[in-house]
Amino acid sequence: MHWFPFVMSGSLALASLVLAHSSLAQVEPSGVWLDEAANWNQVGASIPQAPAFEATNLADCQHTVRPAVLPEDEQVEAAGWTLTDSAQIYGDTVLITGMANADGMCRPFAYQVFVFTDGDFSGTLSPIPMNSREDGSLFDLDLYRDGFISAAFNRYQPEDAQCCASRESRLFYEVDVSTNPPVLVPQWPASTVDRPQ
């Protein structure tokens, strides 16, 4: 996934950073779920509602937002999410990324990837919204076959600089089409490795 930085100067940048720090603290993502073998996705579940923030940077980050063009886009927007990044489509499977906020550099905060099968919501890639440059944040996504997904997540250690996670976890998913509607199932365990220094 590619996020486009937004450069601001002077008091506007400082104000946005303060705003981001104060308002984004409502969501505290963690990658601990990648070390556990559980499925948060349930058959027939509704799309989770976007978390609410008292203030956001989204008005200054419109260059990272895309309009709804797919029926799945409209479902995600109806749950309060702002569309970002490109949709991925393979056969009956559609991946849509939505965010609820952005930081002062327009990186997505409180973002999630929603999986649809033949128009029906099948689940999310993470049990909680993710924040850029934090543990458990998605950085690579591949819908490589109809119903089969590969995703990689940053794994930050306490001593890591915010720019650079020292580890990463990769998890594969498969859409179980034997249920009605289909449900997204993580294929445990996730593989976690150290990044080259």
N, C-alpha and C. Protein backbone atom coordinates (compact mmCIF):
# COMPACT_ATOMS: atom_id res chain seq x y z
N MET A 1 0.84 -1.18 0.00
CA MET A 1 0.00 0.00 0.00
C MET A 1 0.89 1.24 0.00
N HIS A 2 0.43 2.27 -0.68
CA HIS A 2 1.23 3.48 -0.76
C HIS A 2 0.43 4.64 -0.22
N TRP A 3 1.01 5.36 0.72
CA TRP A 3 0.37 6.53 1.28
C TRP A 3 1.19 7.74 0.87
N PHE A 4 0.54 8.84 0.51
CA PHE A 4 1.23 10.00 -0.02
C PHE A 4 1.40 11.06 1.05
N PRO A 5 2.64 11.46 1.37
CA PRO A 5 2.85 12.45 2.41
C PRO A 5 2.34 13.82 1.99
N PHE A 6 1.96 14.60 2.97
CA PHE A 6 1.46 15.94 2.75
C PHE A 6 2.31 16.88 3.58
N VAL A 7 2.99 17.81 2.95
CA VAL A 7 3.92 18.68 3.64
C VAL A 7 3.25 20.00 3.94
N MET A 8 3.29 20.41 5.22
CA MET A 8 2.75 21.70 5.63
C MET A 8 3.85 22.49 6.30
N SER A 9 3.64 23.78 6.44
CA SER A 9 4.67 24.60 7.04
C SER A 9 4.07 25.47 8.13
N GLY A 10 4.95 25.98 9.00
CA GLY A 10 4.56 26.97 9.99
C GLY A 10 3.53 26.48 10.98
N SER A 11 2.66 27.41 11.38
CA SER A 11 1.70 27.12 12.45
C SER A 11 0.67 26.09 12.02
N LEU A 12 0.35 26.01 10.72
CA LEU A 12 -0.62 25.01 10.26
C LEU A 12 -0.11 23.60 10.54
N ALA A 13 1.16 23.37 10.27
CA ALA A 13 1.74 22.04 10.53
C ALA A 13 1.71 21.73 12.01
N LEU A 14 2.11 22.71 12.84
CA LEU A 14 2.12 22.48 14.28
C LEU A 14 0.72 22.21 14.80
N ALA A 15 -0.24 22.99 14.31
CA ALA A 15 -1.63 22.79 14.75
C ALA A 15 -2.13 21.42 14.36
N SER A 16 -1.78 20.98 13.15
CA SER A 16 -2.25 19.67 12.70
C SER A 16 -1.62 18.55 13.50
N LEU A 17 -0.33 18.71 13.86
CA LEU A 17 0.32 17.68 14.65
C LEU A 17 -0.28 17.60 16.04
N VAL A 18 -0.59 18.76 16.63
CA VAL A 18 -1.23 18.76 17.93
C VAL A 18 -2.61 18.13 17.84
N LEU A 19 -3.35 18.50 16.79
CA LEU A 19 -4.67 17.94 16.57
C LEU A 19 -4.59 16.42 16.43
N ALA A 20 -3.63 15.97 15.63
CA ALA A 20 -3.48 14.53 15.42
C ALA A 20 -3.19 13.82 16.73
N HIS A 21 -2.28 14.40 17.53
CA HIS A 21 -1.89 13.76 18.78
C HIS A 21 -3.07 13.66 19.74
N SER A 22 -3.85 14.73 19.83
CA SER A 22 -4.94 14.75 20.80
C SER A 22 -6.13 13.91 20.34
N SER A 23 -6.50 14.00 19.07
CA SER A 23 -7.71 13.33 18.62
C SER A 23 -7.48 11.88 18.24
N LEU A 24 -6.27 11.54 17.81
CA LEU A 24 -6.02 10.17 17.37
C LEU A 24 -5.79 9.22 18.53
N ALA A 25 -5.62 9.78 19.71
CA ALA A 25 -5.35 8.94 20.88
C ALA A 25 -6.55 8.06 21.23
N GLN A 26 -7.70 8.31 20.62
CA GLN A 26 -8.88 7.51 20.92
C GLN A 26 -8.73 6.07 20.43
N VAL A 27 -7.90 5.83 19.44
CA VAL A 27 -7.69 4.49 18.90
C VAL A 27 -6.29 4.03 19.27
N GLU A 28 -6.18 2.88 19.92
CA GLU A 28 -4.88 2.40 20.36
C GLU A 28 -4.62 1.02 19.75
N PRO A 29 -4.20 1.00 18.49
CA PRO A 29 -4.00 -0.30 17.85
C PRO A 29 -2.75 -1.01 18.37
N SER A 30 -2.76 -2.29 18.22
CA SER A 30 -1.62 -3.10 18.61
C SER A 30 -1.62 -4.35 17.73
N GLY A 31 -0.42 -4.83 17.43
CA GLY A 31 -0.30 -6.01 16.60
C GLY A 31 -0.33 -7.31 17.38
N VAL A 32 -0.67 -7.24 18.68
CA VAL A 32 -0.69 -8.45 19.50
C VAL A 32 -1.60 -9.52 18.91
N TRP A 33 -2.68 -9.09 18.25
CA TRP A 33 -3.61 -10.06 17.68
C TRP A 33 -2.95 -10.97 16.65
N LEU A 34 -1.83 -10.51 16.06
CA LEU A 34 -1.13 -11.34 15.07
C LEU A 34 -0.42 -12.53 15.72
N ASP A 35 -0.28 -12.50 17.04
CA ASP A 35 0.35 -13.61 17.75
C ASP A 35 -0.67 -14.59 18.31
N GLU A 36 -1.95 -14.30 18.07
CA GLU A 36 -3.02 -15.14 18.60
C GLU A 36 -3.75 -15.81 17.44
N ALA A 37 -4.28 -16.97 17.67
CA ALA A 37 -5.00 -17.70 16.61
C ALA A 37 -6.49 -17.64 16.87
N ALA A 38 -7.10 -16.56 16.43
CA ALA A 38 -8.54 -16.41 16.62
C ALA A 38 -9.12 -15.73 15.39
N ASN A 39 -10.38 -15.98 15.11
CA ASN A 39 -11.04 -15.29 14.00
C ASN A 39 -12.11 -14.37 14.56
N TRP A 40 -11.93 -13.09 14.32
CA TRP A 40 -12.87 -12.07 14.77
C TRP A 40 -14.04 -11.92 13.78
N ASN A 41 -13.89 -12.46 12.58
CA ASN A 41 -14.94 -12.34 11.56
C ASN A 41 -16.02 -13.39 11.81
N GLN A 42 -17.27 -12.95 11.73
CA GLN A 42 -18.40 -13.83 11.98
C GLN A 42 -19.31 -13.86 10.75
N VAL A 43 -19.90 -14.99 10.49
CA VAL A 43 -20.81 -15.14 9.36
C VAL A 43 -21.99 -14.18 9.52
N GLY A 44 -22.23 -13.39 8.49
CA GLY A 44 -23.37 -12.48 8.49
C GLY A 44 -23.18 -11.22 9.30
N ALA A 45 -21.96 -10.93 9.77
CA ALA A 45 -21.72 -9.71 10.55
C ALA A 45 -21.88 -8.46 9.68
N SER A 46 -22.19 -7.36 10.32
CA SER A 46 -22.30 -6.08 9.62
C SER A 46 -20.93 -5.42 9.52
N ILE A 47 -20.80 -4.51 8.58
CA ILE A 47 -19.57 -3.73 8.46
C ILE A 47 -19.40 -2.91 9.73
N PRO A 48 -18.25 -2.97 10.40
CA PRO A 48 -18.07 -2.18 11.62
C PRO A 48 -18.13 -0.68 11.32
N GLN A 49 -18.73 0.05 12.24
CA GLN A 49 -18.81 1.50 12.10
C GLN A 49 -17.45 2.13 12.32
N ALA A 50 -17.16 3.18 11.58
CA ALA A 50 -15.91 3.90 11.74
C ALA A 50 -15.88 4.56 13.12
N PRO A 51 -14.72 4.54 13.79
CA PRO A 51 -14.63 5.25 15.07
C PRO A 51 -14.80 6.75 14.86
N ALA A 52 -15.40 7.41 15.84
CA ALA A 52 -15.65 8.85 15.74
C ALA A 52 -14.52 9.63 16.40
N PHE A 53 -14.15 10.76 15.81
CA PHE A 53 -13.13 11.64 16.35
C PHE A 53 -13.71 13.03 16.53
N GLU A 54 -13.29 13.71 17.59
CA GLU A 54 -13.77 15.06 17.82
C GLU A 54 -13.28 16.01 16.73
N ALA A 55 -12.10 15.75 16.21
CA ALA A 55 -11.53 16.58 15.14
C ALA A 55 -10.68 15.68 14.26
N THR A 56 -10.59 16.02 12.98
CA THR A 56 -9.81 15.21 12.05
C THR A 56 -8.98 16.09 11.13
N ASN A 57 -8.05 15.47 10.44
CA ASN A 57 -7.24 16.13 9.42
C ASN A 57 -7.74 15.81 8.02
N LEU A 58 -8.87 15.14 7.90
CA LEU A 58 -9.31 14.67 6.59
C LEU A 58 -9.56 15.79 5.60
N ALA A 59 -9.99 16.95 6.08
CA ALA A 59 -10.25 18.07 5.16
C ALA A 59 -8.98 18.50 4.45
N ASP A 60 -7.83 18.33 5.10
CA ASP A 60 -6.54 18.72 4.50
C ASP A 60 -5.91 17.58 3.72
N CYS A 61 -6.56 16.43 3.66
CA CYS A 61 -5.96 15.24 3.04
C CYS A 61 -6.81 14.70 1.91
N GLN A 62 -7.51 15.57 1.21
CA GLN A 62 -8.41 15.11 0.16
C GLN A 62 -7.68 14.45 -1.01
N HIS A 63 -6.38 14.74 -1.15
CA HIS A 63 -5.62 14.10 -2.23
C HIS A 63 -5.41 12.60 -1.96
N THR A 64 -5.68 12.13 -0.75
CA THR A 64 -5.55 10.71 -0.43
C THR A 64 -6.89 10.00 -0.45
N VAL A 65 -7.96 10.75 -0.71
CA VAL A 65 -9.32 10.20 -0.68
C VAL A 65 -9.76 9.88 -2.10
N ARG A 66 -10.50 8.79 -2.26
CA ARG A 66 -11.04 8.48 -3.59
C ARG A 66 -12.56 8.41 -3.52
N PRO A 67 -13.22 8.72 -4.64
CA PRO A 67 -14.69 8.68 -4.64
C PRO A 67 -15.20 7.25 -4.71
N ALA A 68 -16.41 7.06 -4.28
CA ALA A 68 -17.05 5.75 -4.36
C ALA A 68 -17.48 5.47 -5.80
N VAL A 69 -17.05 4.33 -6.35
CA VAL A 69 -17.44 3.94 -7.70
C VAL A 69 -18.05 2.53 -7.73
N LEU A 70 -17.80 1.76 -6.68
CA LEU A 70 -18.29 0.39 -6.60
C LEU A 70 -19.41 0.30 -5.56
N PRO A 71 -20.31 -0.66 -5.71
CA PRO A 71 -21.33 -0.86 -4.67
C PRO A 71 -20.69 -1.13 -3.30
N GLU A 72 -19.55 -1.82 -3.28
CA GLU A 72 -18.86 -2.10 -2.02
C GLU A 72 -18.33 -0.81 -1.41
N ASP A 73 -17.86 0.13 -2.26
CA ASP A 73 -17.43 1.44 -1.76
C ASP A 73 -18.56 2.12 -0.99
N GLU A 74 -19.75 2.08 -1.56
CA GLU A 74 -20.90 2.75 -0.95
C GLU A 74 -21.26 2.11 0.39
N GLN A 75 -21.10 0.80 0.50
CA GLN A 75 -21.37 0.13 1.78
C GLN A 75 -20.39 0.58 2.85
N VAL A 76 -19.12 0.72 2.47
CA VAL A 76 -18.09 1.15 3.43
C VAL A 76 -18.34 2.60 3.84
N GLU A 77 -18.64 3.46 2.88
CA GLU A 77 -18.94 4.86 3.20
C GLU A 77 -20.17 4.96 4.10
N ALA A 78 -21.16 4.13 3.88
CA ALA A 78 -22.38 4.18 4.70
C ALA A 78 -22.10 3.85 6.16
N ALA A 79 -20.99 3.13 6.42
CA ALA A 79 -20.60 2.81 7.79
C ALA A 79 -19.70 3.90 8.38
N GLY A 80 -19.54 5.01 7.66
CA GLY A 80 -18.81 6.15 8.21
C GLY A 80 -17.35 6.25 7.83
N TRP A 81 -16.85 5.36 6.98
CA TRP A 81 -15.45 5.36 6.59
C TRP A 81 -15.21 6.27 5.39
N THR A 82 -14.01 6.82 5.30
CA THR A 82 -13.57 7.59 4.15
C THR A 82 -12.70 6.68 3.29
N LEU A 83 -13.02 6.59 2.01
CA LEU A 83 -12.29 5.67 1.12
C LEU A 83 -10.89 6.19 0.83
N THR A 84 -9.92 5.28 0.85
CA THR A 84 -8.54 5.62 0.52
C THR A 84 -7.90 4.41 -0.16
N ASP A 85 -6.83 4.65 -0.87
CA ASP A 85 -6.11 3.60 -1.58
C ASP A 85 -7.02 2.98 -2.66
N SER A 86 -6.44 2.18 -3.51
CA SER A 86 -7.21 1.60 -4.62
C SER A 86 -7.97 0.36 -4.15
N ALA A 87 -9.09 0.10 -4.80
CA ALA A 87 -9.81 -1.15 -4.58
C ALA A 87 -9.05 -2.27 -5.30
N GLN A 88 -9.08 -3.47 -4.74
CA GLN A 88 -8.53 -4.63 -5.42
C GLN A 88 -9.68 -5.58 -5.73
N ILE A 89 -9.69 -6.09 -6.95
CA ILE A 89 -10.77 -6.96 -7.40
C ILE A 89 -10.19 -8.18 -8.10
N TYR A 90 -10.63 -9.36 -7.70
CA TYR A 90 -10.24 -10.59 -8.37
C TYR A 90 -11.45 -11.52 -8.31
N GLY A 91 -12.05 -11.80 -9.46
CA GLY A 91 -13.24 -12.65 -9.48
C GLY A 91 -14.36 -12.01 -8.68
N ASP A 92 -14.89 -12.75 -7.71
CA ASP A 92 -15.99 -12.25 -6.88
C ASP A 92 -15.49 -11.51 -5.63
N THR A 93 -14.17 -11.42 -5.44
CA THR A 93 -13.62 -10.83 -4.22
C THR A 93 -13.22 -9.39 -4.45
N VAL A 94 -13.61 -8.51 -3.53
CA VAL A 94 -13.28 -7.08 -3.61
C VAL A 94 -12.72 -6.63 -2.26
N LEU A 95 -11.59 -5.92 -2.30
CA LEU A 95 -10.99 -5.35 -1.09
C LEU A 95 -11.11 -3.83 -1.15
N ILE A 96 -11.64 -3.25 -0.08
CA ILE A 96 -11.84 -1.81 0.02
C ILE A 96 -11.14 -1.31 1.29
N THR A 97 -10.35 -0.25 1.17
CA THR A 97 -9.69 0.34 2.33
C THR A 97 -10.41 1.62 2.72
N GLY A 98 -10.72 1.73 4.01
CA GLY A 98 -11.35 2.93 4.53
C GLY A 98 -10.60 3.44 5.74
N MET A 99 -10.62 4.75 5.93
CA MET A 99 -9.98 5.35 7.11
C MET A 99 -10.98 6.27 7.81
N ALA A 100 -10.75 6.46 9.11
CA ALA A 100 -11.61 7.34 9.89
C ALA A 100 -10.92 8.66 10.19
N ASN A 101 -9.60 8.72 9.96
CA ASN A 101 -8.85 9.93 10.27
C ASN A 101 -7.51 9.86 9.52
N ALA A 102 -6.72 10.91 9.66
CA ALA A 102 -5.38 10.97 9.07
C ALA A 102 -4.50 11.79 10.00
N ASP A 103 -3.19 11.54 9.95
CA ASP A 103 -2.30 12.35 10.79
C ASP A 103 -1.92 13.62 10.04
N GLY A 104 -1.03 14.42 10.62
CA GLY A 104 -0.65 15.69 10.03
C GLY A 104 0.07 15.57 8.70
N MET A 105 0.58 14.38 8.39
CA MET A 105 1.22 14.12 7.10
C MET A 105 0.29 13.35 6.16
N CYS A 106 -0.97 13.27 6.53
CA CYS A 106 -2.01 12.61 5.74
C CYS A 106 -1.83 11.09 5.62
N ARG A 107 -1.08 10.52 6.53
CA ARG A 107 -1.06 9.05 6.61
C ARG A 107 -2.34 8.60 7.30
N PRO A 108 -2.93 7.51 6.86
CA PRO A 108 -4.21 7.08 7.45
C PRO A 108 -4.08 6.65 8.90
N PHE A 109 -5.03 7.08 9.69
CA PHE A 109 -5.18 6.63 11.07
C PHE A 109 -6.56 6.01 11.20
N ALA A 110 -6.65 5.02 12.05
CA ALA A 110 -7.92 4.29 12.22
C ALA A 110 -8.40 3.81 10.86
N TYR A 111 -7.57 3.02 10.18
CA TYR A 111 -7.95 2.51 8.86
C TYR A 111 -8.15 1.00 8.92
N GLN A 112 -8.88 0.51 7.94
CA GLN A 112 -9.26 -0.90 7.92
C GLN A 112 -9.44 -1.34 6.47
N VAL A 113 -9.24 -2.63 6.23
CA VAL A 113 -9.49 -3.21 4.91
C VAL A 113 -10.70 -4.14 5.03
N PHE A 114 -11.68 -3.90 4.17
CA PHE A 114 -12.94 -4.63 4.18
C PHE A 114 -12.97 -5.59 2.99
N VAL A 115 -13.37 -6.81 3.24
CA VAL A 115 -13.40 -7.85 2.21
C VAL A 115 -14.86 -8.17 1.88
N PHE A 116 -15.16 -8.20 0.57
CA PHE A 116 -16.50 -8.52 0.09
C PHE A 116 -16.42 -9.70 -0.86
N THR A 117 -17.45 -10.54 -0.82
CA THR A 117 -17.55 -11.68 -1.73
C THR A 117 -18.89 -11.61 -2.45
N ASP A 118 -18.82 -11.40 -3.75
CA ASP A 118 -20.04 -11.28 -4.57
C ASP A 118 -21.00 -10.25 -3.98
N GLY A 119 -20.43 -9.14 -3.50
CA GLY A 119 -21.22 -8.04 -2.98
C GLY A 119 -21.54 -8.11 -1.50
N ASP A 120 -21.32 -9.26 -0.87
CA ASP A 120 -21.61 -9.41 0.56
C ASP A 120 -20.35 -9.18 1.39
N PHE A 121 -20.50 -8.52 2.52
CA PHE A 121 -19.38 -8.30 3.43
C PHE A 121 -18.95 -9.62 4.05
N SER A 122 -17.62 -9.91 3.95
CA SER A 122 -17.08 -11.17 4.47
C SER A 122 -16.22 -11.00 5.71
N GLY A 123 -15.70 -9.77 5.94
CA GLY A 123 -14.87 -9.57 7.12
C GLY A 123 -13.81 -8.50 6.89
N THR A 124 -12.98 -8.32 7.92
CA THR A 124 -11.89 -7.34 7.87
C THR A 124 -10.55 -8.04 8.04
N LEU A 125 -9.48 -7.38 7.61
CA LEU A 125 -8.15 -7.98 7.74
C LEU A 125 -7.58 -7.88 9.15
N SER A 126 -8.11 -6.98 9.96
CA SER A 126 -7.65 -6.80 11.33
C SER A 126 -8.85 -6.71 12.25
N PRO A 127 -8.72 -7.17 13.49
CA PRO A 127 -9.86 -7.08 14.41
C PRO A 127 -10.10 -5.65 14.91
N ILE A 128 -9.12 -4.78 14.73
CA ILE A 128 -9.22 -3.39 15.19
C ILE A 128 -8.71 -2.47 14.09
N PRO A 129 -9.14 -1.20 14.07
CA PRO A 129 -8.57 -0.25 13.11
C PRO A 129 -7.07 -0.11 13.33
N MET A 130 -6.35 0.18 12.26
CA MET A 130 -4.89 0.29 12.29
C MET A 130 -4.47 1.75 12.15
N ASN A 131 -3.31 2.08 12.72
CA ASN A 131 -2.72 3.41 12.59
C ASN A 131 -1.38 3.30 11.89
N SER A 132 -1.13 4.15 10.93
CA SER A 132 0.16 4.17 10.24
C SER A 132 1.28 4.35 11.25
N ARG A 133 2.39 3.66 10.99
CA ARG A 133 3.60 3.76 11.80
C ARG A 133 3.40 3.30 13.25
N GLU A 134 2.46 2.37 13.43
CA GLU A 134 2.28 1.76 14.74
C GLU A 134 2.21 0.24 14.58
N ASP A 135 2.40 -0.46 15.69
CA ASP A 135 2.41 -1.92 15.66
C ASP A 135 1.11 -2.45 15.09
N GLY A 136 1.23 -3.40 14.17
CA GLY A 136 0.06 -4.01 13.56
C GLY A 136 -0.48 -3.27 12.36
N SER A 137 0.24 -2.25 11.87
CA SER A 137 -0.23 -1.49 10.70
C SER A 137 0.10 -2.23 9.41
N LEU A 138 -0.88 -2.30 8.53
CA LEU A 138 -0.74 -2.98 7.24
C LEU A 138 0.16 -2.18 6.32
N PHE A 139 1.11 -2.85 5.65
CA PHE A 139 1.94 -2.14 4.68
C PHE A 139 1.99 -2.83 3.32
N ASP A 140 1.47 -4.04 3.21
CA ASP A 140 1.47 -4.73 1.92
C ASP A 140 0.22 -5.60 1.84
N LEU A 141 -0.45 -5.54 0.69
CA LEU A 141 -1.71 -6.25 0.51
C LEU A 141 -1.77 -6.82 -0.89
N ASP A 142 -2.14 -8.10 -1.00
CA ASP A 142 -2.19 -8.74 -2.32
C ASP A 142 -3.39 -9.69 -2.38
N LEU A 143 -4.34 -9.35 -3.23
CA LEU A 143 -5.44 -10.26 -3.56
C LEU A 143 -4.96 -11.08 -4.75
N TYR A 144 -4.30 -12.20 -4.46
CA TYR A 144 -3.57 -12.93 -5.51
C TYR A 144 -4.41 -13.99 -6.21
N ARG A 145 -5.61 -14.27 -5.68
CA ARG A 145 -6.53 -15.24 -6.26
C ARG A 145 -7.91 -14.92 -5.75
N ASP A 146 -8.92 -15.35 -6.44
CA ASP A 146 -10.28 -15.11 -5.97
C ASP A 146 -10.47 -15.77 -4.60
N GLY A 147 -10.68 -14.92 -3.58
CA GLY A 147 -10.90 -15.44 -2.23
C GLY A 147 -9.63 -15.71 -1.44
N PHE A 148 -8.45 -15.36 -1.98
CA PHE A 148 -7.20 -15.62 -1.29
C PHE A 148 -6.39 -14.33 -1.19
N ILE A 149 -5.97 -13.99 0.02
CA ILE A 149 -5.33 -12.70 0.30
C ILE A 149 -4.05 -12.92 1.10
N SER A 150 -3.04 -12.13 0.77
CA SER A 150 -1.80 -12.09 1.55
C SER A 150 -1.63 -10.67 2.07
N ALA A 151 -1.33 -10.52 3.36
CA ALA A 151 -1.17 -9.20 3.96
C ALA A 151 0.03 -9.19 4.90
N ALA A 152 0.77 -8.10 4.89
CA ALA A 152 1.94 -7.96 5.75
C ALA A 152 1.77 -6.74 6.65
N PHE A 153 2.20 -6.88 7.90
CA PHE A 153 1.97 -5.87 8.93
C PHE A 153 3.29 -5.50 9.61
N ASN A 154 3.45 -4.23 9.94
CA ASN A 154 4.60 -3.78 10.70
C ASN A 154 4.50 -4.28 12.14
N ARG A 155 5.65 -4.72 12.68
CA ARG A 155 5.70 -5.15 14.07
C ARG A 155 6.77 -4.34 14.79
N TYR A 156 6.32 -3.38 15.54
CA TYR A 156 7.23 -2.49 16.27
C TYR A 156 7.60 -3.08 17.61
N GLN A 157 8.87 -2.95 17.95
CA GLN A 157 9.37 -3.28 19.27
C GLN A 157 9.52 -1.98 20.06
N PRO A 158 9.55 -2.04 21.39
CA PRO A 158 9.60 -0.80 22.18
C PRO A 158 10.76 0.12 21.82
N GLU A 159 11.87 -0.45 21.38
CA GLU A 159 13.06 0.36 21.08
C GLU A 159 13.08 0.87 19.64
N ASP A 160 12.12 0.51 18.82
CA ASP A 160 12.13 0.90 17.41
C ASP A 160 11.80 2.38 17.24
N ALA A 161 12.47 3.01 16.29
CA ALA A 161 12.09 4.37 15.89
C ALA A 161 10.75 4.30 15.18
N GLN A 162 9.99 5.39 15.24
CA GLN A 162 8.64 5.37 14.66
C GLN A 162 8.66 5.14 13.16
N CYS A 163 9.78 5.51 12.52
CA CYS A 163 9.86 5.35 11.07
C CYS A 163 10.00 3.90 10.65
N CYS A 164 10.58 3.07 11.55
CA CYS A 164 11.11 1.80 11.06
C CYS A 164 10.86 0.65 12.04
N ALA A 165 9.84 -0.14 11.74
CA ALA A 165 9.61 -1.34 12.55
C ALA A 165 10.72 -2.35 12.28
N SER A 166 11.18 -3.02 13.31
CA SER A 166 12.28 -3.97 13.15
C SER A 166 11.81 -5.36 12.75
N ARG A 167 10.49 -5.60 12.82
CA ARG A 167 9.95 -6.91 12.46
C ARG A 167 8.70 -6.73 11.60
N GLU A 168 8.27 -7.80 10.97
CA GLU A 168 7.03 -7.78 10.21
C GLU A 168 6.38 -9.15 10.28
N SER A 169 5.06 -9.14 10.18
CA SER A 169 4.28 -10.38 10.19
C SER A 169 3.49 -10.47 8.90
N ARG A 170 3.45 -11.66 8.32
CA ARG A 170 2.63 -11.91 7.13
C ARG A 170 1.57 -12.93 7.48
N LEU A 171 0.35 -12.64 7.04
CA LEU A 171 -0.77 -13.52 7.32
C LEU A 171 -1.56 -13.74 6.03
N PHE A 172 -1.94 -14.98 5.79
CA PHE A 172 -2.77 -15.33 4.64
C PHE A 172 -4.22 -15.50 5.11
N TYR A 173 -5.14 -15.19 4.20
CA TYR A 173 -6.57 -15.30 4.49
C TYR A 173 -7.23 -16.06 3.34
N GLU A 174 -8.32 -16.73 3.69
CA GLU A 174 -9.12 -17.39 2.67
C GLU A 174 -10.60 -17.12 2.97
N VAL A 175 -11.35 -16.83 1.93
CA VAL A 175 -12.79 -16.67 2.09
C VAL A 175 -13.44 -18.04 2.08
N ASP A 176 -14.14 -18.35 3.15
CA ASP A 176 -14.86 -19.63 3.25
C ASP A 176 -16.21 -19.46 2.57
N VAL A 177 -16.36 -20.04 1.40
CA VAL A 177 -17.59 -19.89 0.63
C VAL A 177 -18.62 -20.97 0.98
N SER A 178 -18.31 -21.83 1.95
CA SER A 178 -19.27 -22.85 2.35
C SER A 178 -20.34 -22.29 3.28
N THR A 179 -20.10 -21.07 3.80
CA THR A 179 -21.09 -20.44 4.68
C THR A 179 -21.96 -19.48 3.86
N ASN A 180 -23.06 -19.06 4.44
CA ASN A 180 -23.96 -18.13 3.74
C ASN A 180 -24.31 -16.98 4.68
N PRO A 181 -23.75 -15.77 4.43
CA PRO A 181 -22.82 -15.44 3.35
C PRO A 181 -21.40 -15.94 3.66
N PRO A 182 -20.49 -15.87 2.68
CA PRO A 182 -19.11 -16.29 2.92
C PRO A 182 -18.45 -15.46 4.02
N VAL A 183 -17.46 -16.06 4.69
CA VAL A 183 -16.76 -15.37 5.78
C VAL A 183 -15.25 -15.47 5.56
N LEU A 184 -14.54 -14.40 5.92
CA LEU A 184 -13.09 -14.35 5.79
C LEU A 184 -12.43 -15.07 6.96
N VAL A 185 -11.48 -15.96 6.66
CA VAL A 185 -10.83 -16.76 7.70
C VAL A 185 -9.31 -16.57 7.62
N PRO A 186 -8.67 -16.07 8.69
CA PRO A 186 -7.20 -16.00 8.72
C PRO A 186 -6.62 -17.41 8.75
N GLN A 187 -5.51 -17.60 8.05
CA GLN A 187 -4.85 -18.91 8.01
C GLN A 187 -3.66 -18.89 8.96
N TRP A 188 -3.91 -19.26 10.19
CA TRP A 188 -2.87 -19.20 11.23
C TRP A 188 -1.87 -20.33 11.06
N PRO A 189 -0.62 -20.16 11.52
CA PRO A 189 -0.11 -18.98 12.22
C PRO A 189 0.40 -17.91 11.24
N ALA A 190 0.49 -16.69 11.73
CA ALA A 190 1.19 -15.65 10.98
C ALA A 190 2.69 -15.90 11.06
N SER A 191 3.40 -15.57 10.00
CA SER A 191 4.86 -15.72 10.03
C SER A 191 5.48 -14.36 10.35
N THR A 192 6.28 -14.31 11.41
CA THR A 192 6.91 -13.07 11.87
C THR A 192 8.42 -13.20 11.74
N VAL A 193 9.05 -12.23 11.10
CA VAL A 193 10.48 -12.27 10.87
C VAL A 193 11.11 -10.91 11.19
N ASP A 194 12.42 -10.94 11.48
CA ASP A 194 13.17 -9.70 11.67
C ASP A 194 13.47 -9.09 10.31
N ARG A 195 13.43 -7.77 10.23
CA ARG A 195 13.84 -7.09 9.02
C ARG A 195 15.35 -6.90 9.03
N PRO A 196 15.98 -6.95 7.85
CA PRO A 196 17.43 -6.72 7.80
C PRO A 196 17.78 -5.34 8.34
N GLN A 197 18.83 -5.26 9.11
CA GLN A 197 19.25 -3.98 9.68
C GLN A 197 20.24 -3.28 8.77
